[in-house]
Amino acid sequence: NMNNEGTVKVGGQVWSARSIDNEVIAQGEVVVIKKIVGVKLI
């Protein structure tokens, strides 16, 4: 979140993503989609 970076792949589509609690999440980890703000998945 600090660098305004990150994407996730879900349903064959790549979405911009941000973590809900500002933690850094590494590539390859599995996440749960909590909400959508604009075009970003939280």
PDB file of all heavy atoms in Angstrom:
ATOM      1  N   ASN A   1       0.819  -1.218   0.000  1.00  0.00           N
ATOM      2  CA  ASN A   1       0.000   0.000   0.000  1.00  0.00           C
ATOM      3  C   ASN A   1       0.849   1.263   0.000  1.00  0.00           C
ATOM      4  O   ASN A   1       0.472   2.272  -0.600  1.00  0.00           O
ATOM      5  CB  ASN A   1      -0.948   0.008   1.199  1.00  0.00           C
ATOM      6  CG  ASN A   1      -2.026  -1.042   1.104  1.00  0.00           C
ATOM      7  OD1 ASN A   1      -2.049  -1.858   0.197  1.00  0.00           O
ATOM      8  ND2 ASN A   1      -2.919  -1.042   2.066  1.00  0.00           N
ATOM      9  N   MET A   2       1.998   1.246   0.704  1.00  0.00           N
ATOM     10  CA  MET A   2       2.846   2.434   0.798  1.00  0.00           C
ATOM     11  C   MET A   2       3.376   2.848  -0.572  1.00  0.00           C
ATOM     12  O   MET A   2       3.539   4.028  -0.855  1.00  0.00           O
ATOM     13  CB  MET A   2       4.017   2.184   1.750  1.00  0.00           C
ATOM     14  CG  MET A   2       3.567   1.915   3.175  1.00  0.00           C
ATOM     15  SD  MET A   2       2.658   3.292   3.888  1.00  0.00           S
ATOM     16  CE  MET A   2       3.991   4.311   4.395  1.00  0.00           C
ATOM     17  N   ASN A   3       3.652   1.870  -1.430  1.00  0.00           N
ATOM     18  CA  ASN A   3       4.156   2.155  -2.783  1.00  0.00           C
ATOM     19  C   ASN A   3       3.042   2.180  -3.821  1.00  0.00           C
ATOM     20  O   ASN A   3       3.312   2.314  -5.013  1.00  0.00           O
ATOM     21  CB  ASN A   3       5.216   1.129  -3.189  1.00  0.00           C
ATOM     22  CG  ASN A   3       6.445   1.211  -2.321  1.00  0.00           C
ATOM     23  OD1 ASN A   3       6.739   2.249  -1.743  1.00  0.00           O
ATOM     24  ND2 ASN A   3       7.162   0.098  -2.212  1.00  0.00           N
ATOM     25  N   ASN A   4       1.804   1.984  -3.372  1.00  0.00           N
ATOM     26  CA  ASN A   4       0.660   1.965  -4.279  1.00  0.00           C
ATOM     27  C   ASN A   4       0.824   0.902  -5.365  1.00  0.00           C
ATOM     28  O   ASN A   4       0.589   1.148  -6.544  1.00  0.00           O
ATOM     29  CB  ASN A   4       0.438   3.355  -4.897  1.00  0.00           C
ATOM     30  CG  ASN A   4      -0.995   3.566  -5.325  1.00  0.00           C
ATOM     31  OD1 ASN A   4      -1.906   2.929  -4.817  1.00  0.00           O
ATOM     32  ND2 ASN A   4      -1.194   4.464  -6.272  1.00  0.00           N
ATOM     33  N   GLU A   5       1.247  -0.296  -4.935  1.00  0.00           N
ATOM     34  CA  GLU A   5       1.508  -1.394  -5.865  1.00  0.00           C
ATOM     35  C   GLU A   5       0.743  -2.640  -5.438  1.00  0.00           C
ATOM     36  O   GLU A   5       0.421  -2.804  -4.265  1.00  0.00           O
ATOM     37  CB  GLU A   5       3.005  -1.754  -5.868  1.00  0.00           C
ATOM     38  CG  GLU A   5       3.923  -0.666  -6.286  1.00  0.00           C
ATOM     39  CD  GLU A   5       5.381  -1.070  -6.110  1.00  0.00           C
ATOM     40  OE1 GLU A   5       5.677  -1.916  -5.233  1.00  0.00           O
ATOM     41  OE2 GLU A   5       6.211  -0.535  -6.843  1.00  0.00           O
ATOM     42  N   GLY A   6       0.528  -3.508  -6.395  1.00  0.00           N
ATOM     43  CA  GLY A   6      -0.026  -4.815  -6.109  1.00  0.00           C
ATOM     44  C   GLY A   6      -1.162  -5.198  -7.022  1.00  0.00           C
ATOM     45  O   GLY A   6      -2.003  -4.369  -7.362  1.00  0.00           O
ATOM     46  N   THR A   7      -1.132  -6.461  -7.434  1.00  0.00           N
ATOM     47  CA  THR A   7      -2.214  -7.009  -8.250  1.00  0.00           C
ATOM     48  C   THR A   7      -2.516  -8.429  -7.780  1.00  0.00           C
ATOM     49  O   THR A   7      -1.660  -9.110  -7.211  1.00  0.00           O
ATOM     50  CB  THR A   7      -1.852  -7.043  -9.755  1.00  0.00           C
ATOM     51  OG1 THR A   7      -0.670  -7.822  -9.947  1.00  0.00           O
ATOM     52  CG2 THR A   7      -1.658  -5.647 -10.315  1.00  0.00           C
ATOM     53  N   VAL A   8      -3.749  -8.838  -8.025  1.00  0.00           N
ATOM     54  CA  VAL A   8      -4.152 -10.218  -7.771  1.00  0.00           C
ATOM     55  C   VAL A   8      -4.828 -10.759  -9.021  1.00  0.00           C
ATOM     56  O   VAL A   8      -5.329  -9.996  -9.845  1.00  0.00           O
ATOM     57  CB  VAL A   8      -5.109 -10.345  -6.555  1.00  0.00           C
ATOM     58  CG1 VAL A   8      -4.431  -9.914  -5.286  1.00  0.00           C
ATOM     59  CG2 VAL A   8      -6.387  -9.586  -6.776  1.00  0.00           C
ATOM     60  N   LYS A   9      -4.807 -12.071  -9.114  1.00  0.00           N
ATOM     61  CA  LYS A   9      -5.473 -12.710 -10.247  1.00  0.00           C
ATOM     62  C   LYS A   9      -6.626 -13.532  -9.702  1.00  0.00           C
ATOM     63  O   LYS A   9      -6.440 -14.377  -8.830  1.00  0.00           O
ATOM     64  CB  LYS A   9      -4.489 -13.592 -11.012  1.00  0.00           C
ATOM     65  CG  LYS A   9      -4.990 -14.052 -12.351  1.00  0.00           C
ATOM     66  CD  LYS A   9      -3.885 -14.701 -13.149  1.00  0.00           C
ATOM     67  CE  LYS A   9      -4.274 -14.778 -14.610  1.00  0.00           C
ATOM     68  NZ  LYS A   9      -3.171 -15.265 -15.435  1.00  0.00           N
ATOM     69  N   VAL A  10      -7.806 -13.241 -10.220  1.00  0.00           N
ATOM     70  CA  VAL A  10      -9.003 -13.958  -9.799  1.00  0.00           C
ATOM     71  C   VAL A  10      -9.900 -14.136 -11.013  1.00  0.00           C
ATOM     72  O   VAL A  10     -10.123 -13.213 -11.779  1.00  0.00           O
ATOM     73  CB  VAL A  10      -9.740 -13.221  -8.650  1.00  0.00           C
ATOM     74  CG1 VAL A  10     -10.158 -11.840  -9.039  1.00  0.00           C
ATOM     75  CG2 VAL A  10     -10.930 -14.012  -8.152  1.00  0.00           C
ATOM     76  N   GLY A  11     -10.374 -15.343 -11.203  1.00  0.00           N
ATOM     77  CA  GLY A  11     -11.249 -15.626 -12.338  1.00  0.00           C
ATOM     78  C   GLY A  11     -10.601 -15.341 -13.676  1.00  0.00           C
ATOM     79  O   GLY A  11     -11.280 -14.960 -14.621  1.00  0.00           O
ATOM     80  N   GLY A  12      -9.291 -15.497 -13.747  1.00  0.00           N
ATOM     81  CA  GLY A  12      -8.577 -15.259 -14.999  1.00  0.00           C
ATOM     82  C   GLY A  12      -8.316 -13.801 -15.298  1.00  0.00           C
ATOM     83  O   GLY A  12      -7.747 -13.469 -16.336  1.00  0.00           O
ATOM     84  N   GLN A  13      -8.710 -12.908 -14.404  1.00  0.00           N
ATOM     85  CA  GLN A  13      -8.498 -11.477 -14.610  1.00  0.00           C
ATOM     86  C   GLN A  13      -7.540 -10.936 -13.559  1.00  0.00           C
ATOM     87  O   GLN A  13      -7.556 -11.361 -12.407  1.00  0.00           O
ATOM     88  CB  GLN A  13      -9.807 -10.714 -14.535  1.00  0.00           C
ATOM     89  CG  GLN A  13     -10.770 -11.049 -15.642  1.00  0.00           C
ATOM     90  CD  GLN A  13     -12.058 -10.254 -15.540  1.00  0.00           C
ATOM     91  OE1 GLN A  13     -12.480  -9.917 -14.445  1.00  0.00           O
ATOM     92  NE2 GLN A  13     -12.658  -9.953 -16.667  1.00  0.00           N
ATOM     93  N   VAL A  14      -6.741  -9.963 -13.973  1.00  0.00           N
ATOM     94  CA  VAL A  14      -5.810  -9.317 -13.063  1.00  0.00           C
ATOM     95  C   VAL A  14      -6.432  -8.008 -12.582  1.00  0.00           C
ATOM     96  O   VAL A  14      -6.900  -7.204 -13.381  1.00  0.00           O
ATOM     97  CB  VAL A  14      -4.456  -9.051 -13.758  1.00  0.00           C
ATOM     98  CG1 VAL A  14      -3.512  -8.308 -12.821  1.00  0.00           C
ATOM     99  CG2 VAL A  14      -3.828 -10.363 -14.220  1.00  0.00           C
ATOM    100  N   TRP A  15      -6.453  -7.832 -11.269  1.00  0.00           N
ATOM    101  CA  TRP A  15      -7.025  -6.650 -10.634  1.00  0.00           C
ATOM    102  C   TRP A  15      -5.954  -5.952  -9.800  1.00  0.00           C
ATOM    103  O   TRP A  15      -5.117  -6.609  -9.188  1.00  0.00           O
ATOM    104  CB  TRP A  15      -8.139  -7.045  -9.671  1.00  0.00           C
ATOM    105  CG  TRP A  15      -9.407  -7.520 -10.295  1.00  0.00           C
ATOM    106  CD1 TRP A  15      -9.647  -8.721 -10.887  1.00  0.00           C
ATOM    107  CD2 TRP A  15     -10.630  -6.804 -10.356  1.00  0.00           C
ATOM    108  NE1 TRP A  15     -10.941  -8.795 -11.309  1.00  0.00           N
ATOM    109  CE2 TRP A  15     -11.569  -7.633 -11.002  1.00  0.00           C
ATOM    110  CE3 TRP A  15     -11.037  -5.547  -9.924  1.00  0.00           C
ATOM    111  CZ2 TRP A  15     -12.876  -7.239 -11.211  1.00  0.00           C
ATOM    112  CZ3 TRP A  15     -12.341  -5.151 -10.138  1.00  0.00           C
ATOM    113  CH2 TRP A  15     -13.244  -5.993 -10.783  1.00  0.00           C
ATOM    114  N   SER A  16      -6.035  -4.630  -9.727  1.00  0.00           N
ATOM    115  CA  SER A  16      -5.220  -3.892  -8.765  1.00  0.00           C
ATOM    116  C   SER A  16      -5.735  -4.253  -7.390  1.00  0.00           C
ATOM    117  O   SER A  16      -6.938  -4.439  -7.190  1.00  0.00           O
ATOM    118  CB  SER A  16      -5.351  -2.383  -8.967  1.00  0.00           C
ATOM    119  OG  SER A  16      -4.815  -2.009 -10.207  1.00  0.00           O
ATOM    120  N   ALA A  17      -4.818  -4.347  -6.433  1.00  0.00           N
ATOM    121  CA  ALA A  17      -5.235  -4.760  -5.095  1.00  0.00           C
ATOM    122  C   ALA A  17      -4.474  -3.987  -4.033  1.00  0.00           C
ATOM    123  O   ALA A  17      -3.345  -3.559  -4.248  1.00  0.00           O
ATOM    124  CB  ALA A  17      -5.006  -6.258  -4.918  1.00  0.00           C
ATOM    125  N   ARG A  18      -5.118  -3.820  -2.891  1.00  0.00           N
ATOM    126  CA  ARG A  18      -4.515  -3.204  -1.720  1.00  0.00           C
ATOM    127  C   ARG A  18      -4.899  -4.058  -0.522  1.00  0.00           C
ATOM    128  O   ARG A  18      -5.990  -4.629  -0.474  1.00  0.00           O
ATOM    129  CB  ARG A  18      -5.015  -1.765  -1.504  1.00  0.00           C
ATOM    130  CG  ARG A  18      -4.707  -0.814  -2.645  1.00  0.00           C
ATOM    131  CD  ARG A  18      -3.192  -0.619  -2.834  1.00  0.00           C
ATOM    132  NE  ARG A  18      -2.909   0.141  -4.041  1.00  0.00           N
ATOM    133  CZ  ARG A  18      -2.550  -0.377  -5.207  1.00  0.00           C
ATOM    134  NH1 ARG A  18      -2.437  -1.691  -5.336  1.00  0.00           N
ATOM    135  NH2 ARG A  18      -2.288   0.387  -6.234  1.00  0.00           N
ATOM    136  N   SER A  19      -3.996  -4.111   0.454  1.00  0.00           N
ATOM    137  CA  SER A  19      -4.290  -4.905   1.651  1.00  0.00           C
ATOM    138  C   SER A  19      -5.161  -4.096   2.600  1.00  0.00           C
ATOM    139  O   SER A  19      -5.078  -2.864   2.646  1.00  0.00           O
ATOM    140  CB  SER A  19      -3.000  -5.345   2.343  1.00  0.00           C
ATOM    141  OG  SER A  19      -2.295  -4.227   2.810  1.00  0.00           O
ATOM    142  N   ILE A  20      -5.972  -4.804   3.342  1.00  0.00           N
ATOM    143  CA  ILE A  20      -6.940  -4.149   4.213  1.00  0.00           C
ATOM    144  C   ILE A  20      -6.275  -3.495   5.422  1.00  0.00           C
ATOM    145  O   ILE A  20      -6.736  -2.498   5.944  1.00  0.00           O
ATOM    146  CB  ILE A  20      -8.036  -5.147   4.649  1.00  0.00           C
ATOM    147  CG1 ILE A  20      -9.271  -4.402   5.109  1.00  0.00           C
ATOM    148  CG2 ILE A  20      -7.537  -6.090   5.725  1.00  0.00           C
ATOM    149  CD1 ILE A  20     -10.516  -5.250   5.120  1.00  0.00           C
ATOM    150  N   ASP A  21      -5.152  -4.050   5.871  1.00  0.00           N
ATOM    151  CA  ASP A  21      -4.504  -3.543   7.080  1.00  0.00           C
ATOM    152  C   ASP A  21      -3.091  -3.010   6.800  1.00  0.00           C
ATOM    153  O   ASP A  21      -2.245  -2.982   7.691  1.00  0.00           O
ATOM    154  CB  ASP A  21      -4.472  -4.625   8.150  1.00  0.00           C
ATOM    155  CG  ASP A  21      -3.922  -5.932   7.614  1.00  0.00           C
ATOM    156  OD1 ASP A  21      -3.450  -5.952   6.464  1.00  0.00           O
ATOM    157  OD2 ASP A  21      -3.967  -6.939   8.341  1.00  0.00           O
ATOM    158  N   ASN A  22      -2.824  -2.613   5.571  1.00  0.00           N
ATOM    159  CA  ASN A  22      -1.554  -2.016   5.137  1.00  0.00           C
ATOM    160  C   ASN A  22      -0.356  -2.942   5.264  1.00  0.00           C
ATOM    161  O   ASN A  22       0.778  -2.483   5.237  1.00  0.00           O
ATOM    162  CB  ASN A  22      -1.274  -0.697   5.874  1.00  0.00           C
ATOM    163  CG  ASN A  22      -2.225   0.391   5.438  1.00  0.00           C
ATOM    164  OD1 ASN A  22      -2.608   0.473   4.275  1.00  0.00           O
ATOM    165  ND2 ASN A  22      -2.636   1.224   6.378  1.00  0.00           N
ATOM    166  N   GLU A  23      -0.572  -4.242   5.392  1.00  0.00           N
ATOM    167  CA  GLU A  23       0.566  -5.149   5.444  1.00  0.00           C
ATOM    168  C   GLU A  23       1.010  -5.483   4.022  1.00  0.00           C
ATOM    169  O   GLU A  23       0.222  -5.455   3.074  1.00  0.00           O
ATOM    170  CB  GLU A  23       0.234  -6.408   6.230  1.00  0.00           C
ATOM    171  CG  GLU A  23      -0.721  -7.361   5.534  1.00  0.00           C
ATOM    172  CD  GLU A  23      -0.932  -8.648   6.308  1.00  0.00           C
ATOM    173  OE1 GLU A  23       0.053  -9.235   6.794  1.00  0.00           O
ATOM    174  OE2 GLU A  23      -2.083  -9.061   6.416  1.00  0.00           O
ATOM    175  N   VAL A  24       2.293  -5.787   3.886  1.00  0.00           N
ATOM    176  CA  VAL A  24       2.840  -6.188   2.589  1.00  0.00           C
ATOM    177  C   VAL A  24       2.544  -7.668   2.406  1.00  0.00           C
ATOM    178  O   VAL A  24       2.804  -8.483   3.296  1.00  0.00           O
ATOM    179  CB  VAL A  24       4.367  -5.916   2.541  1.00  0.00           C
ATOM    180  CG1 VAL A  24       4.949  -6.433   1.235  1.00  0.00           C
ATOM    181  CG2 VAL A  24       4.633  -4.429   2.718  1.00  0.00           C
ATOM    182  N   ILE A  25       1.975  -8.011   1.252  1.00  0.00           N
ATOM    183  CA  ILE A  25       1.635  -9.404   0.953  1.00  0.00           C
ATOM    184  C   ILE A  25       2.444  -9.834  -0.263  1.00  0.00           C
ATOM    185  O   ILE A  25       2.390  -9.198  -1.318  1.00  0.00           O
ATOM    186  CB  ILE A  25       0.127  -9.576   0.703  1.00  0.00           C
ATOM    187  CG1 ILE A  25      -0.677  -9.073   1.907  1.00  0.00           C
ATOM    188  CG2 ILE A  25      -0.191 -11.036   0.408  1.00  0.00           C
ATOM    189  CD1 ILE A  25      -2.182  -9.070   1.716  1.00  0.00           C
ATOM    190  N   ALA A  26       3.202 -10.904  -0.101  1.00  0.00           N
ATOM    191  CA  ALA A  26       4.132 -11.352  -1.135  1.00  0.00           C
ATOM    192  C   ALA A  26       3.423 -12.006  -2.312  1.00  0.00           C
ATOM    193  O   ALA A  26       2.303 -12.513  -2.191  1.00  0.00           O
ATOM    194  CB  ALA A  26       5.134 -12.332  -0.530  1.00  0.00           C
ATOM    195  N   GLN A  27       4.130 -11.990  -3.449  1.00  0.00           N
ATOM    196  CA  GLN A  27       3.631 -12.640  -4.658  1.00  0.00           C
ATOM    197  C   GLN A  27       3.447 -14.126  -4.392  1.00  0.00           C
ATOM    198  O   GLN A  27       4.249 -14.755  -3.719  1.00  0.00           O
ATOM    199  CB  GLN A  27       4.626 -12.431  -5.804  1.00  0.00           C
ATOM    200  CG  GLN A  27       4.193 -13.074  -7.104  1.00  0.00           C
ATOM    201  CD  GLN A  27       5.218 -12.843  -8.220  1.00  0.00           C
ATOM    202  OE1 GLN A  27       6.232 -12.209  -8.023  1.00  0.00           O
ATOM    203  NE2 GLN A  27       4.920 -13.366  -9.377  1.00  0.00           N
ATOM    204  N   GLY A  28       2.347 -14.686  -4.906  1.00  0.00           N
ATOM    205  CA  GLY A  28       2.073 -16.105  -4.777  1.00  0.00           C
ATOM    206  C   GLY A  28       1.192 -16.470  -3.597  1.00  0.00           C
ATOM    207  O   GLY A  28       0.669 -17.576  -3.532  1.00  0.00           O
ATOM    208  N   GLU A  29       1.028 -15.553  -2.638  1.00  0.00           N
ATOM    209  CA  GLU A  29       0.174 -15.842  -1.489  1.00  0.00           C
ATOM    210  C   GLU A  29      -1.297 -15.803  -1.893  1.00  0.00           C
ATOM    211  O   GLU A  29      -1.679 -15.164  -2.865  1.00  0.00           O
ATOM    212  CB  GLU A  29       0.424 -14.832  -0.363  1.00  0.00           C
ATOM    213  CG  GLU A  29       1.752 -15.037   0.341  1.00  0.00           C
ATOM    214  CD  GLU A  29       1.814 -14.267   1.638  1.00  0.00           C
ATOM    215  OE1 GLU A  29       0.895 -14.450   2.473  1.00  0.00           O
ATOM    216  OE2 GLU A  29       2.763 -13.496   1.811  1.00  0.00           O
ATOM    217  N   VAL A  30      -2.116 -16.486  -1.094  1.00  0.00           N
ATOM    218  CA  VAL A  30      -3.554 -16.504  -1.330  1.00  0.00           C
ATOM    219  C   VAL A  30      -4.197 -15.481  -0.390  1.00  0.00           C
ATOM    220  O   VAL A  30      -3.864 -15.406   0.795  1.00  0.00           O
ATOM    221  CB  VAL A  30      -4.140 -17.911  -1.089  1.00  0.00           C
ATOM    222  CG1 VAL A  30      -5.656 -17.898  -1.256  1.00  0.00           C
ATOM    223  CG2 VAL A  30      -3.508 -18.908  -2.053  1.00  0.00           C
ATOM    224  N   VAL A  31      -5.103 -14.707  -0.951  1.00  0.00           N
ATOM    225  CA  VAL A  31      -5.791 -13.677  -0.182  1.00  0.00           C
ATOM    226  C   VAL A  31      -7.301 -13.831  -0.341  1.00  0.00           C
ATOM    227  O   VAL A  31      -7.769 -14.498  -1.261  1.00  0.00           O
ATOM    228  CB  VAL A  31      -5.369 -12.254  -0.643  1.00  0.00           C
ATOM    229  CG1 VAL A  31      -3.921 -11.984  -0.303  1.00  0.00           C
ATOM    230  CG2 VAL A  31      -5.633 -12.043  -2.115  1.00  0.00           C
ATOM    231  N   VAL A  32      -8.042 -13.198   0.566  1.00  0.00           N
ATOM    232  CA  VAL A  32      -9.507 -13.181   0.507  1.00  0.00           C
ATOM    233  C   VAL A  32      -9.927 -11.763   0.136  1.00  0.00           C
ATOM    234  O   VAL A  32      -9.441 -10.795   0.722  1.00  0.00           O
ATOM    235  CB  VAL A  32     -10.129 -13.563   1.868  1.00  0.00           C
ATOM    236  CG1 VAL A  32     -11.646 -13.496   1.804  1.00  0.00           C
ATOM    237  CG2 VAL A  32      -9.664 -14.930   2.298  1.00  0.00           C
ATOM    238  N   ILE A  33     -10.832 -11.646  -0.822  1.00  0.00           N
ATOM    239  CA  ILE A  33     -11.327 -10.335  -1.248  1.00  0.00           C
ATOM    240  C   ILE A  33     -12.383  -9.887  -0.246  1.00  0.00           C
ATOM    241  O   ILE A  33     -13.397 -10.554  -0.061  1.00  0.00           O
ATOM    242  CB  ILE A  33     -11.904 -10.395  -2.675  1.00  0.00           C
ATOM    243  CG1 ILE A  33     -10.821 -10.870  -3.651  1.00  0.00           C
ATOM    244  CG2 ILE A  33     -12.489  -9.050  -3.080  1.00  0.00           C
ATOM    245  CD1 ILE A  33     -11.331 -11.294  -4.996  1.00  0.00           C
ATOM    246  N   LYS A  34     -12.139  -8.729   0.391  1.00  0.00           N
ATOM    247  CA  LYS A  34     -13.038  -8.212   1.422  1.00  0.00           C
ATOM    248  C   LYS A  34     -14.023  -7.185   0.883  1.00  0.00           C
ATOM    249  O   LYS A  34     -15.156  -7.131   1.315  1.00  0.00           O
ATOM    250  CB  LYS A  34     -12.236  -7.608   2.580  1.00  0.00           C
ATOM    251  CG  LYS A  34     -11.472  -8.636   3.377  1.00  0.00           C
ATOM    252  CD  LYS A  34     -12.462  -9.581   4.014  1.00  0.00           C
ATOM    253  CE  LYS A  34     -11.783 -10.574   4.930  1.00  0.00           C
ATOM    254  NZ  LYS A  34     -12.744 -11.439   5.593  1.00  0.00           N
ATOM    255  N   LYS A  35     -13.566  -6.330  -0.018  1.00  0.00           N
ATOM    256  CA  LYS A  35     -14.449  -5.332  -0.611  1.00  0.00           C
ATOM    257  C   LYS A  35     -13.812  -4.781  -1.874  1.00  0.00           C
ATOM    258  O   LYS A  35     -12.665  -5.092  -2.190  1.00  0.00           O
ATOM    259  CB  LYS A  35     -14.783  -4.205   0.376  1.00  0.00           C
ATOM    260  CG  LYS A  35     -13.610  -3.390   0.846  1.00  0.00           C
ATOM    261  CD  LYS A  35     -14.083  -2.335   1.847  1.00  0.00           C
ATOM    262  CE  LYS A  35     -12.896  -1.561   2.406  1.00  0.00           C
ATOM    263  NZ  LYS A  35     -13.307  -0.508   3.335  1.00  0.00           N
ATOM    264  N   ILE A  36     -14.580  -3.965  -2.576  1.00  0.00           N
ATOM    265  CA  ILE A  36     -14.107  -3.337  -3.804  1.00  0.00           C
ATOM    266  C   ILE A  36     -14.273  -1.836  -3.647  1.00  0.00           C
ATOM    267  O   ILE A  36     -15.353  -1.361  -3.283  1.00  0.00           O
ATOM    268  CB  ILE A  36     -14.884  -3.834  -5.036  1.00  0.00           C
ATOM    269  CG1 ILE A  36     -14.740  -5.352  -5.173  1.00  0.00           C
ATOM    270  CG2 ILE A  36     -14.419  -3.122  -6.298  1.00  0.00           C
ATOM    271  CD1 ILE A  36     -15.627  -5.966  -6.212  1.00  0.00           C
ATOM    272  N   VAL A  37     -13.198  -1.114  -3.888  1.00  0.00           N
ATOM    273  CA  VAL A  37     -13.242   0.347  -3.838  1.00  0.00           C
ATOM    274  C   VAL A  37     -12.786   0.835  -5.210  1.00  0.00           C
ATOM    275  O   VAL A  37     -11.620   0.675  -5.574  1.00  0.00           O
ATOM    276  CB  VAL A  37     -12.343   0.915  -2.718  1.00  0.00           C
ATOM    277  CG1 VAL A  37     -12.338   2.427  -2.770  1.00  0.00           C
ATOM    278  CG2 VAL A  37     -12.784   0.400  -1.363  1.00  0.00           C
ATOM    279  N   GLY A  38     -13.716   1.408  -5.956  1.00  0.00           N
ATOM    280  CA  GLY A  38     -13.394   1.826  -7.326  1.00  0.00           C
ATOM    281  C   GLY A  38     -13.093   0.600  -8.163  1.00  0.00           C
ATOM    282  O   GLY A  38     -13.934  -0.283  -8.316  1.00  0.00           O
ATOM    283  N   VAL A  39     -11.847   0.535  -8.668  1.00  0.00           N
ATOM    284  CA  VAL A  39     -11.432  -0.618  -9.469  1.00  0.00           C
ATOM    285  C   VAL A  39     -10.365  -1.436  -8.747  1.00  0.00           C
ATOM    286  O   VAL A  39      -9.685  -2.248  -9.354  1.00  0.00           O
ATOM    287  CB  VAL A  39     -10.919  -0.173 -10.867  1.00  0.00           C
ATOM    288  CG1 VAL A  39     -12.033   0.404 -11.678  1.00  0.00           C
ATOM    289  CG2 VAL A  39      -9.758   0.776 -10.740  1.00  0.00           C
ATOM    290  N   LYS A  40     -10.235  -1.225  -7.451  1.00  0.00           N
ATOM    291  CA  LYS A  40      -9.241  -1.954  -6.658  1.00  0.00           C
ATOM    292  C   LYS A  40      -9.927  -2.919  -5.709  1.00  0.00           C
ATOM    293  O   LYS A  40     -10.934  -2.593  -5.084  1.00  0.00           O
ATOM    294  CB  LYS A  40      -8.388  -0.968  -5.852  1.00  0.00           C
ATOM    295  CG  LYS A  40      -7.452  -0.144  -6.683  1.00  0.00           C
ATOM    296  CD  LYS A  40      -6.610   0.732  -5.778  1.00  0.00           C
ATOM    297  CE  LYS A  40      -5.525   1.477  -6.481  1.00  0.00           C
ATOM    298  NZ  LYS A  40      -5.829   2.295  -7.561  1.00  0.00           N
ATOM    299  N   LEU A  41      -9.348  -4.098  -5.601  1.00  0.00           N
ATOM    300  CA  LEU A  41      -9.829  -5.082  -4.639  1.00  0.00           C
ATOM    301  C   LEU A  41      -9.107  -4.842  -3.326  1.00  0.00           C
ATOM    302  O   LEU A  41      -7.895  -4.661  -3.288  1.00  0.00           O
ATOM    303  CB  LEU A  41      -9.546  -6.486  -5.123  1.00  0.00           C
ATOM    304  CG  LEU A  41     -10.168  -6.920  -6.452  1.00  0.00           C
ATOM    305  CD1 LEU A  41      -9.779  -8.344  -6.786  1.00  0.00           C
ATOM    306  CD2 LEU A  41     -11.674  -6.774  -6.421  1.00  0.00           C
ATOM    307  N   ILE A  42      -9.837  -4.815  -2.254  1.00  0.00           N
ATOM    308  CA  ILE A  42      -9.262  -4.707  -0.916  1.00  0.00           C
ATOM    309  C   ILE A  42      -9.232  -6.128  -0.360  1.00  0.00           C
ATOM    310  O   ILE A  42     -10.279  -6.768  -0.235  1.00  0.00           O
ATOM    311  CB  ILE A  42     -10.086  -3.764  -0.013  1.00  0.00           C
ATOM    312  CG1 ILE A  42     -10.316  -2.419  -0.690  1.00  0.00           C
ATOM    313  CG2 ILE A  42      -9.415  -3.618   1.341  1.00  0.00           C
ATOM    314  CD1 ILE A  42      -9.059  -1.655  -1.068  1.00  0.00           C
TER     315      ILE A  42
END
